[in-house]
Amino acid sequence: MKDVKIALCNWWGLVKPGGYLIIVVPDEDLYEQGIWPSIFNSDHKATFNLRKLKSWSPVSYDIQALVGALPGAEIIEARLQDEGYDRRLMQRTGWGQFLFRLGLLRQRAFGRMLRTRLSGYRRRILIRRVNVALNCIEALLGKWEPIDQTRGVAVAQIQVVA
């Protein structure tokens, strides 16, 4: 969905009188795990939450509020579905998450370095030095890697029925 509000309005317009609209979207905290843009699905344009006052995501939508604002809509159910999800796998230290984000920046920086006009030898030396330094820091502080639990039996989604 490029524009969440327009998509919901268009879908709602297709529902017959007395019919139901069922929306299932990934929960931003369980699926994206505080990282945007999504590392698990590069096609995601937005994140969704259920009645949160404040979100970490710059593109977050309260899906219950959006559906509830549709003309004539009555929310029958709005709930988080997290069956099989192990929240212990989300535990991380502040340093671990910092290092993970640093790793993402490292990947982007290396991509840029590969496109520079440095000689191949100088480029390899620079990349090796940066890698050694960051690997030492990660070993000392402990790195955290997010896990996409939805590839297994877990679900990390919000369902709204109107």
N, C-alpha and C. Protein backbone atom coordinates (compact mmCIF):
# COMPACT_ATOMS: atom_id res chain seq x y z
N MET A 1 0.85 -1.18 0.00
CA MET A 1 0.00 0.00 0.00
C MET A 1 0.89 1.24 0.00
N LYS A 2 0.74 2.05 -1.00
CA LYS A 2 1.49 3.30 -1.03
C LYS A 2 0.83 4.34 -0.13
N ASP A 3 -0.50 4.39 -0.14
CA ASP A 3 -1.24 5.32 0.72
C ASP A 3 -2.27 4.52 1.51
N VAL A 4 -1.99 4.31 2.77
CA VAL A 4 -2.80 3.44 3.62
C VAL A 4 -4.24 3.93 3.70
N LYS A 5 -4.44 5.22 3.93
CA LYS A 5 -5.80 5.76 4.10
C LYS A 5 -6.63 5.59 2.83
N ILE A 6 -6.04 5.88 1.69
CA ILE A 6 -6.79 5.73 0.43
C ILE A 6 -7.11 4.26 0.17
N ALA A 7 -6.15 3.37 0.44
CA ALA A 7 -6.40 1.94 0.22
C ALA A 7 -7.55 1.45 1.09
N LEU A 8 -7.56 1.84 2.37
CA LEU A 8 -8.65 1.41 3.26
C LEU A 8 -9.99 1.95 2.79
N CYS A 9 -10.03 3.21 2.38
CA CYS A 9 -11.28 3.79 1.88
C CYS A 9 -11.77 3.05 0.64
N ASN A 10 -10.86 2.72 -0.26
CA ASN A 10 -11.23 1.98 -1.47
C ASN A 10 -11.75 0.58 -1.13
N TRP A 11 -11.09 -0.10 -0.19
CA TRP A 11 -11.55 -1.43 0.21
C TRP A 11 -12.92 -1.35 0.88
N TRP A 12 -13.10 -0.34 1.73
CA TRP A 12 -14.37 -0.18 2.43
C TRP A 12 -15.51 0.08 1.44
N GLY A 13 -15.20 0.78 0.39
CA GLY A 13 -16.21 1.05 -0.64
C GLY A 13 -16.67 -0.21 -1.37
N LEU A 14 -15.88 -1.26 -1.32
CA LEU A 14 -16.24 -2.52 -1.99
C LEU A 14 -17.10 -3.44 -1.11
N VAL A 15 -17.20 -3.11 0.18
CA VAL A 15 -17.96 -3.94 1.11
C VAL A 15 -19.45 -3.67 0.93
N LYS A 16 -20.22 -4.73 0.73
CA LYS A 16 -21.67 -4.59 0.60
C LYS A 16 -22.29 -4.17 1.93
N PRO A 17 -23.42 -3.49 1.93
CA PRO A 17 -24.08 -3.15 3.19
C PRO A 17 -24.33 -4.43 4.00
N GLY A 18 -23.96 -4.37 5.27
CA GLY A 18 -24.08 -5.54 6.14
C GLY A 18 -22.89 -6.49 6.03
N GLY A 19 -21.94 -6.17 5.14
CA GLY A 19 -20.77 -7.03 4.96
C GLY A 19 -19.66 -6.69 5.94
N TYR A 20 -18.56 -7.39 5.81
CA TYR A 20 -17.45 -7.23 6.74
C TYR A 20 -16.16 -6.90 5.98
N LEU A 21 -15.34 -6.11 6.63
CA LEU A 21 -13.99 -5.84 6.14
C LEU A 21 -13.04 -6.44 7.17
N ILE A 22 -12.18 -7.35 6.74
CA ILE A 22 -11.21 -7.97 7.63
C ILE A 22 -9.82 -7.55 7.16
N ILE A 23 -9.11 -6.92 8.06
CA ILE A 23 -7.76 -6.43 7.76
C ILE A 23 -6.78 -7.18 8.65
N VAL A 24 -5.70 -7.67 8.05
CA VAL A 24 -4.61 -8.30 8.80
C VAL A 24 -3.32 -7.64 8.33
N VAL A 25 -2.61 -7.03 9.28
CA VAL A 25 -1.36 -6.34 8.98
C VAL A 25 -0.29 -6.75 9.99
N PRO A 26 0.99 -6.65 9.63
CA PRO A 26 2.04 -7.01 10.60
C PRO A 26 2.11 -5.99 11.73
N ASP A 27 2.32 -6.47 12.95
CA ASP A 27 2.51 -5.59 14.10
C ASP A 27 3.93 -5.04 14.06
N GLU A 28 4.05 -3.72 14.16
CA GLU A 28 5.36 -3.09 14.00
C GLU A 28 6.38 -3.53 15.05
N ASP A 29 5.95 -3.74 16.27
CA ASP A 29 6.90 -4.11 17.32
C ASP A 29 7.38 -5.56 17.18
N LEU A 30 6.47 -6.45 16.85
CA LEU A 30 6.84 -7.86 16.74
C LEU A 30 7.51 -8.19 15.42
N TYR A 31 7.03 -7.59 14.33
CA TYR A 31 7.60 -7.94 13.03
C TYR A 31 8.83 -7.10 12.69
N GLU A 32 8.70 -5.78 12.73
CA GLU A 32 9.82 -4.91 12.35
C GLU A 32 10.85 -4.80 13.47
N GLN A 33 10.45 -4.98 14.72
CA GLN A 33 11.33 -5.00 15.89
C GLN A 33 12.15 -3.72 16.04
N GLY A 34 11.51 -2.60 15.76
CA GLY A 34 12.17 -1.32 16.00
C GLY A 34 13.13 -0.89 14.91
N ILE A 35 13.08 -1.54 13.76
CA ILE A 35 14.01 -1.22 12.68
C ILE A 35 13.23 -0.79 11.44
N TRP A 36 13.55 0.39 10.95
CA TRP A 36 12.92 0.89 9.72
C TRP A 36 13.98 1.56 8.88
N PRO A 37 14.04 1.28 7.58
CA PRO A 37 13.14 0.44 6.80
C PRO A 37 13.25 -1.04 7.18
N SER A 38 12.21 -1.78 6.83
CA SER A 38 12.13 -3.18 7.21
C SER A 38 13.31 -3.98 6.68
N ILE A 39 13.88 -4.82 7.54
CA ILE A 39 14.95 -5.70 7.07
C ILE A 39 14.40 -7.05 6.64
N PHE A 40 13.13 -7.31 6.95
CA PHE A 40 12.53 -8.59 6.59
C PHE A 40 11.68 -8.51 5.32
N ASN A 41 11.22 -7.33 4.96
CA ASN A 41 10.40 -7.16 3.76
C ASN A 41 10.64 -5.77 3.20
N SER A 42 11.45 -5.69 2.16
CA SER A 42 11.81 -4.38 1.59
C SER A 42 10.64 -3.70 0.91
N ASP A 43 9.53 -4.41 0.71
CA ASP A 43 8.36 -3.84 0.05
C ASP A 43 7.44 -3.11 1.03
N HIS A 44 7.69 -3.21 2.33
CA HIS A 44 6.84 -2.54 3.31
C HIS A 44 6.96 -1.02 3.17
N LYS A 45 5.81 -0.36 3.12
CA LYS A 45 5.77 1.10 2.99
C LYS A 45 5.36 1.77 4.30
N ALA A 46 4.80 0.99 5.23
CA ALA A 46 4.29 1.53 6.49
C ALA A 46 4.37 0.46 7.56
N THR A 47 4.25 0.91 8.82
CA THR A 47 4.16 -0.03 9.94
C THR A 47 2.82 0.20 10.63
N PHE A 48 2.36 -0.81 11.36
CA PHE A 48 1.04 -0.72 11.98
C PHE A 48 1.10 -1.08 13.46
N ASN A 49 0.28 -0.38 14.23
CA ASN A 49 0.18 -0.66 15.65
C ASN A 49 -1.29 -0.70 16.03
N LEU A 50 -1.52 -1.11 17.27
CA LEU A 50 -2.88 -1.21 17.78
C LEU A 50 -2.98 -0.34 19.03
N ARG A 51 -3.56 0.83 18.88
CA ARG A 51 -3.84 1.77 19.99
C ARG A 51 -2.58 2.23 20.75
N LYS A 52 -1.49 2.45 20.05
CA LYS A 52 -0.30 3.00 20.71
C LYS A 52 -0.35 4.52 20.63
N LEU A 53 0.01 5.19 21.71
CA LEU A 53 0.04 6.64 21.73
C LEU A 53 1.23 7.19 20.96
N LYS A 54 2.35 6.50 21.03
CA LYS A 54 3.56 6.95 20.36
C LYS A 54 4.29 5.74 19.79
N SER A 55 4.82 5.91 18.59
CA SER A 55 5.52 4.82 17.93
C SER A 55 6.95 5.23 17.62
N TRP A 56 7.82 4.27 17.55
CA TRP A 56 9.21 4.50 17.15
C TRP A 56 9.31 4.70 15.64
N SER A 57 8.31 4.22 14.90
CA SER A 57 8.37 4.23 13.43
C SER A 57 7.93 5.57 12.86
N PRO A 58 8.66 6.08 11.88
CA PRO A 58 8.25 7.34 11.24
C PRO A 58 7.06 7.18 10.30
N VAL A 59 6.67 5.93 10.01
CA VAL A 59 5.56 5.67 9.07
C VAL A 59 4.51 4.77 9.71
N SER A 60 4.22 5.02 10.99
CA SER A 60 3.33 4.17 11.75
C SER A 60 1.87 4.63 11.65
N TYR A 61 0.96 3.65 11.62
CA TYR A 61 -0.48 3.91 11.62
C TYR A 61 -1.15 3.06 12.69
N ASP A 62 -2.08 3.66 13.42
CA ASP A 62 -2.94 2.92 14.34
C ASP A 62 -4.07 2.36 13.48
N ILE A 63 -3.99 1.08 13.18
CA ILE A 63 -4.94 0.48 12.24
C ILE A 63 -6.37 0.49 12.77
N GLN A 64 -6.55 0.34 14.08
CA GLN A 64 -7.91 0.39 14.63
C GLN A 64 -8.51 1.77 14.45
N ALA A 65 -7.75 2.82 14.69
CA ALA A 65 -8.26 4.18 14.52
C ALA A 65 -8.60 4.46 13.06
N LEU A 66 -7.76 3.98 12.14
CA LEU A 66 -8.03 4.21 10.72
C LEU A 66 -9.32 3.52 10.27
N VAL A 67 -9.47 2.26 10.67
CA VAL A 67 -10.67 1.52 10.28
C VAL A 67 -11.90 2.11 10.96
N GLY A 68 -11.77 2.49 12.23
CA GLY A 68 -12.89 3.09 12.96
C GLY A 68 -13.35 4.41 12.38
N ALA A 69 -12.47 5.10 11.66
CA ALA A 69 -12.81 6.39 11.05
C ALA A 69 -13.50 6.25 9.69
N LEU A 70 -13.60 5.04 9.18
CA LEU A 70 -14.30 4.85 7.91
C LEU A 70 -15.78 5.15 8.08
N PRO A 71 -16.42 5.77 7.10
CA PRO A 71 -17.83 6.15 7.26
C PRO A 71 -18.74 4.94 7.47
N GLY A 72 -19.46 4.95 8.59
CA GLY A 72 -20.41 3.88 8.90
C GLY A 72 -19.77 2.61 9.42
N ALA A 73 -18.46 2.62 9.67
CA ALA A 73 -17.78 1.40 10.14
C ALA A 73 -17.98 1.21 11.63
N GLU A 74 -18.17 -0.04 12.01
CA GLU A 74 -18.24 -0.40 13.42
C GLU A 74 -17.20 -1.50 13.65
N ILE A 75 -16.29 -1.25 14.59
CA ILE A 75 -15.25 -2.23 14.88
C ILE A 75 -15.87 -3.38 15.67
N ILE A 76 -15.79 -4.57 15.12
CA ILE A 76 -16.29 -5.76 15.80
C ILE A 76 -15.19 -6.39 16.63
N GLU A 77 -13.98 -6.39 16.09
CA GLU A 77 -12.84 -6.96 16.80
C GLU A 77 -11.57 -6.28 16.33
N ALA A 78 -10.68 -6.04 17.26
CA ALA A 78 -9.34 -5.54 16.94
C ALA A 78 -8.41 -6.18 17.96
N ARG A 79 -7.51 -7.04 17.47
CA ARG A 79 -6.64 -7.71 18.43
C ARG A 79 -5.29 -8.06 17.82
N LEU A 80 -4.32 -8.14 18.70
CA LEU A 80 -2.98 -8.57 18.33
C LEU A 80 -2.98 -10.08 18.28
N GLN A 81 -2.47 -10.63 17.22
CA GLN A 81 -2.31 -12.08 17.10
C GLN A 81 -0.82 -12.39 17.17
N ASP A 82 -0.42 -13.06 18.25
CA ASP A 82 1.01 -13.35 18.45
C ASP A 82 1.24 -14.80 18.84
N GLU A 83 0.39 -15.69 18.37
CA GLU A 83 0.51 -17.11 18.71
C GLU A 83 1.85 -17.65 18.23
N GLY A 84 2.54 -18.36 19.11
CA GLY A 84 3.82 -18.97 18.77
C GLY A 84 5.00 -18.02 18.80
N TYR A 85 4.77 -16.75 19.11
CA TYR A 85 5.85 -15.76 19.10
C TYR A 85 6.59 -15.80 20.43
N ASP A 86 7.90 -15.89 20.39
CA ASP A 86 8.73 -15.95 21.60
C ASP A 86 9.37 -14.57 21.82
N ARG A 87 8.82 -13.81 22.75
CA ARG A 87 9.31 -12.44 22.99
C ARG A 87 10.71 -12.43 23.60
N ARG A 88 11.13 -13.54 24.17
CA ARG A 88 12.48 -13.58 24.72
C ARG A 88 13.54 -13.39 23.64
N LEU A 89 13.20 -13.76 22.40
CA LEU A 89 14.16 -13.60 21.30
C LEU A 89 14.32 -12.14 20.89
N MET A 90 13.45 -11.28 21.40
CA MET A 90 13.52 -9.85 21.09
C MET A 90 14.39 -9.10 22.09
N GLN A 91 14.75 -9.74 23.18
CA GLN A 91 15.51 -9.04 24.22
C GLN A 91 16.87 -8.65 23.67
N ARG A 92 17.25 -7.42 23.95
CA ARG A 92 18.52 -6.94 23.47
C ARG A 92 18.99 -5.81 24.37
N THR A 93 20.27 -5.65 24.41
CA THR A 93 20.81 -4.53 25.16
C THR A 93 20.81 -3.31 24.26
N GLY A 94 20.91 -2.16 24.84
CA GLY A 94 21.03 -0.95 24.04
C GLY A 94 22.25 -1.00 23.14
N TRP A 95 23.35 -1.56 23.66
CA TRP A 95 24.56 -1.68 22.85
C TRP A 95 24.37 -2.64 21.70
N GLY A 96 23.67 -3.74 21.96
CA GLY A 96 23.45 -4.71 20.89
C GLY A 96 22.67 -4.11 19.74
N GLN A 97 21.63 -3.36 20.06
CA GLN A 97 20.84 -2.74 19.00
C GLN A 97 21.66 -1.66 18.29
N PHE A 98 22.45 -0.91 19.06
CA PHE A 98 23.33 0.10 18.46
C PHE A 98 24.29 -0.56 17.47
N LEU A 99 24.87 -1.68 17.88
CA LEU A 99 25.82 -2.37 17.02
C LEU A 99 25.14 -2.93 15.77
N PHE A 100 23.90 -3.39 15.94
CA PHE A 100 23.18 -3.89 14.76
C PHE A 100 22.99 -2.75 13.76
N ARG A 101 22.55 -1.59 14.25
CA ARG A 101 22.37 -0.44 13.36
C ARG A 101 23.70 0.00 12.75
N LEU A 102 24.75 -0.10 13.52
CA LEU A 102 26.08 0.21 13.02
C LEU A 102 26.45 -0.75 11.88
N GLY A 103 26.07 -2.01 12.04
CA GLY A 103 26.32 -3.00 10.98
C GLY A 103 25.59 -2.65 9.70
N LEU A 104 24.34 -2.18 9.83
CA LEU A 104 23.61 -1.75 8.64
C LEU A 104 24.31 -0.58 7.97
N LEU A 105 24.79 0.38 8.78
CA LEU A 105 25.53 1.51 8.22
C LEU A 105 26.82 1.04 7.56
N ARG A 106 27.46 0.04 8.17
CA ARG A 106 28.70 -0.50 7.59
C ARG A 106 28.43 -1.07 6.21
N GLN A 107 27.33 -1.82 6.06
CA GLN A 107 27.01 -2.39 4.75
C GLN A 107 26.81 -1.30 3.71
N ARG A 108 26.08 -0.25 4.08
CA ARG A 108 25.86 0.85 3.13
C ARG A 108 27.17 1.55 2.79
N ALA A 109 28.00 1.77 3.81
CA ALA A 109 29.28 2.45 3.58
C ALA A 109 30.17 1.62 2.67
N PHE A 110 30.20 0.31 2.87
CA PHE A 110 31.03 -0.54 2.02
C PHE A 110 30.52 -0.52 0.58
N GLY A 111 29.21 -0.46 0.43
CA GLY A 111 28.65 -0.35 -0.91
C GLY A 111 29.12 0.92 -1.60
N ARG A 112 29.15 2.01 -0.84
CA ARG A 112 29.63 3.28 -1.41
C ARG A 112 31.13 3.20 -1.72
N MET A 113 31.89 2.57 -0.82
CA MET A 113 33.33 2.45 -1.04
C MET A 113 33.63 1.67 -2.31
N LEU A 114 32.82 0.66 -2.58
CA LEU A 114 33.05 -0.14 -3.78
C LEU A 114 32.83 0.67 -5.05
N ARG A 115 32.05 1.75 -4.93
CA ARG A 115 31.78 2.60 -6.09
C ARG A 115 32.75 3.78 -6.20
N THR A 116 33.69 3.90 -5.26
CA THR A 116 34.63 5.02 -5.29
C THR A 116 35.76 4.73 -6.27
N ARG A 117 36.61 5.72 -6.45
CA ARG A 117 37.72 5.58 -7.40
C ARG A 117 39.01 5.12 -6.74
N LEU A 118 38.92 4.66 -5.50
CA LEU A 118 40.12 4.12 -4.85
C LEU A 118 40.59 2.89 -5.61
N SER A 119 41.89 2.66 -5.57
CA SER A 119 42.40 1.44 -6.21
C SER A 119 41.87 0.24 -5.44
N GLY A 120 41.82 -0.89 -6.08
CA GLY A 120 41.32 -2.10 -5.44
C GLY A 120 42.10 -2.44 -4.18
N TYR A 121 43.41 -2.25 -4.22
CA TYR A 121 44.25 -2.57 -3.06
C TYR A 121 43.91 -1.65 -1.89
N ARG A 122 43.85 -0.33 -2.12
CA ARG A 122 43.55 0.62 -1.04
C ARG A 122 42.14 0.40 -0.49
N ARG A 123 41.21 0.09 -1.37
CA ARG A 123 39.84 -0.17 -0.94
C ARG A 123 39.79 -1.39 -0.02
N ARG A 124 40.49 -2.46 -0.39
CA ARG A 124 40.51 -3.68 0.44
C ARG A 124 41.14 -3.41 1.80
N ILE A 125 42.21 -2.63 1.83
CA ILE A 125 42.87 -2.29 3.10
C ILE A 125 41.90 -1.51 4.00
N LEU A 126 41.22 -0.51 3.44
CA LEU A 126 40.27 0.32 4.20
C LEU A 126 39.13 -0.54 4.75
N ILE A 127 38.56 -1.38 3.90
CA ILE A 127 37.45 -2.24 4.33
C ILE A 127 37.92 -3.21 5.42
N ARG A 128 39.11 -3.79 5.26
CA ARG A 128 39.63 -4.73 6.25
C ARG A 128 39.82 -4.05 7.60
N ARG A 129 40.37 -2.83 7.62
CA ARG A 129 40.60 -2.12 8.87
C ARG A 129 39.28 -1.79 9.57
N VAL A 130 38.31 -1.31 8.82
CA VAL A 130 37.01 -0.99 9.41
C VAL A 130 36.36 -2.26 9.95
N ASN A 131 36.43 -3.35 9.20
CA ASN A 131 35.84 -4.62 9.65
C ASN A 131 36.49 -5.12 10.92
N VAL A 132 37.79 -5.07 11.01
CA VAL A 132 38.49 -5.54 12.21
C VAL A 132 38.07 -4.72 13.42
N ALA A 133 38.04 -3.41 13.28
CA ALA A 133 37.66 -2.54 14.40
C ALA A 133 36.23 -2.83 14.85
N LEU A 134 35.29 -2.90 13.91
CA LEU A 134 33.89 -3.15 14.27
C LEU A 134 33.69 -4.54 14.84
N ASN A 135 34.39 -5.52 14.32
CA ASN A 135 34.27 -6.88 14.85
C ASN A 135 34.76 -6.95 16.30
N CYS A 136 35.82 -6.21 16.62
CA CYS A 136 36.32 -6.17 18.01
C CYS A 136 35.29 -5.54 18.93
N ILE A 137 34.68 -4.44 18.49
CA ILE A 137 33.67 -3.76 19.30
C ILE A 137 32.47 -4.68 19.52
N GLU A 138 32.04 -5.35 18.46
CA GLU A 138 30.90 -6.27 18.57
C GLU A 138 31.21 -7.41 19.54
N ALA A 139 32.42 -7.93 19.49
CA ALA A 139 32.80 -9.03 20.39
C ALA A 139 32.79 -8.58 21.84
N LEU A 140 33.21 -7.35 22.10
CA LEU A 140 33.24 -6.83 23.46
C LEU A 140 31.85 -6.52 24.01
N LEU A 141 30.98 -5.95 23.17
CA LEU A 141 29.69 -5.47 23.65
C LEU A 141 28.54 -6.44 23.41
N GLY A 142 28.71 -7.39 22.55
CA GLY A 142 27.64 -8.35 22.26
C GLY A 142 26.69 -7.83 21.21
N LYS A 143 26.60 -8.53 20.11
CA LYS A 143 25.77 -8.09 18.99
C LYS A 143 24.39 -8.75 19.09
N TRP A 144 23.38 -8.00 18.69
CA TRP A 144 22.01 -8.52 18.65
C TRP A 144 21.57 -8.63 17.21
N GLU A 145 21.03 -9.76 16.83
CA GLU A 145 20.50 -9.96 15.48
C GLU A 145 19.00 -10.21 15.57
N PRO A 146 18.19 -9.39 14.91
CA PRO A 146 16.75 -9.66 14.91
C PRO A 146 16.43 -10.95 14.16
N ILE A 147 15.37 -11.60 14.59
CA ILE A 147 14.96 -12.87 13.99
C ILE A 147 13.54 -12.73 13.47
N ASP A 148 13.32 -13.16 12.23
CA ASP A 148 11.97 -13.16 11.67
C ASP A 148 11.29 -14.46 12.09
N GLN A 149 10.56 -14.41 13.20
CA GLN A 149 9.91 -15.62 13.71
C GLN A 149 8.72 -16.04 12.85
N THR A 150 8.24 -15.15 11.99
CA THR A 150 7.08 -15.50 11.16
C THR A 150 7.46 -16.46 10.04
N ARG A 151 8.73 -16.72 9.85
CA ARG A 151 9.15 -17.73 8.87
C ARG A 151 8.90 -19.13 9.40
N GLY A 152 8.66 -19.23 10.71
CA GLY A 152 8.32 -20.50 11.33
C GLY A 152 6.83 -20.56 11.59
N VAL A 153 6.46 -20.95 12.81
CA VAL A 153 5.05 -21.11 13.14
C VAL A 153 4.44 -19.88 13.80
N ALA A 154 5.25 -18.89 14.12
CA ALA A 154 4.76 -17.72 14.86
C ALA A 154 4.02 -16.75 13.95
N VAL A 155 3.07 -16.02 14.54
CA VAL A 155 2.44 -14.91 13.85
C VAL A 155 2.72 -13.64 14.64
N ALA A 156 2.78 -12.53 13.92
CA ALA A 156 3.09 -11.23 14.53
C ALA A 156 2.23 -10.19 13.81
N GLN A 157 0.92 -10.28 14.02
CA GLN A 157 0.02 -9.47 13.22
C GLN A 157 -1.13 -8.91 14.03
N ILE A 158 -1.79 -7.95 13.42
CA ILE A 158 -2.98 -7.32 13.99
C ILE A 158 -4.15 -7.65 13.07
N GLN A 159 -5.26 -8.06 13.67
CA GLN A 159 -6.48 -8.31 12.88
C GLN A 159 -7.56 -7.35 13.34
N VAL A 160 -8.18 -6.69 12.36
CA VAL A 160 -9.30 -5.79 12.64
C VAL A 160 -10.47 -6.23 11.77
N VAL A 161 -11.64 -6.42 12.41
CA VAL A 161 -12.86 -6.77 11.70
C VAL A 161 -13.85 -5.65 11.89
N ALA A 162 -14.36 -5.12 10.77
CA ALA A 162 -15.35 -4.03 10.82
C ALA A 162 -16.58 -4.41 10.03
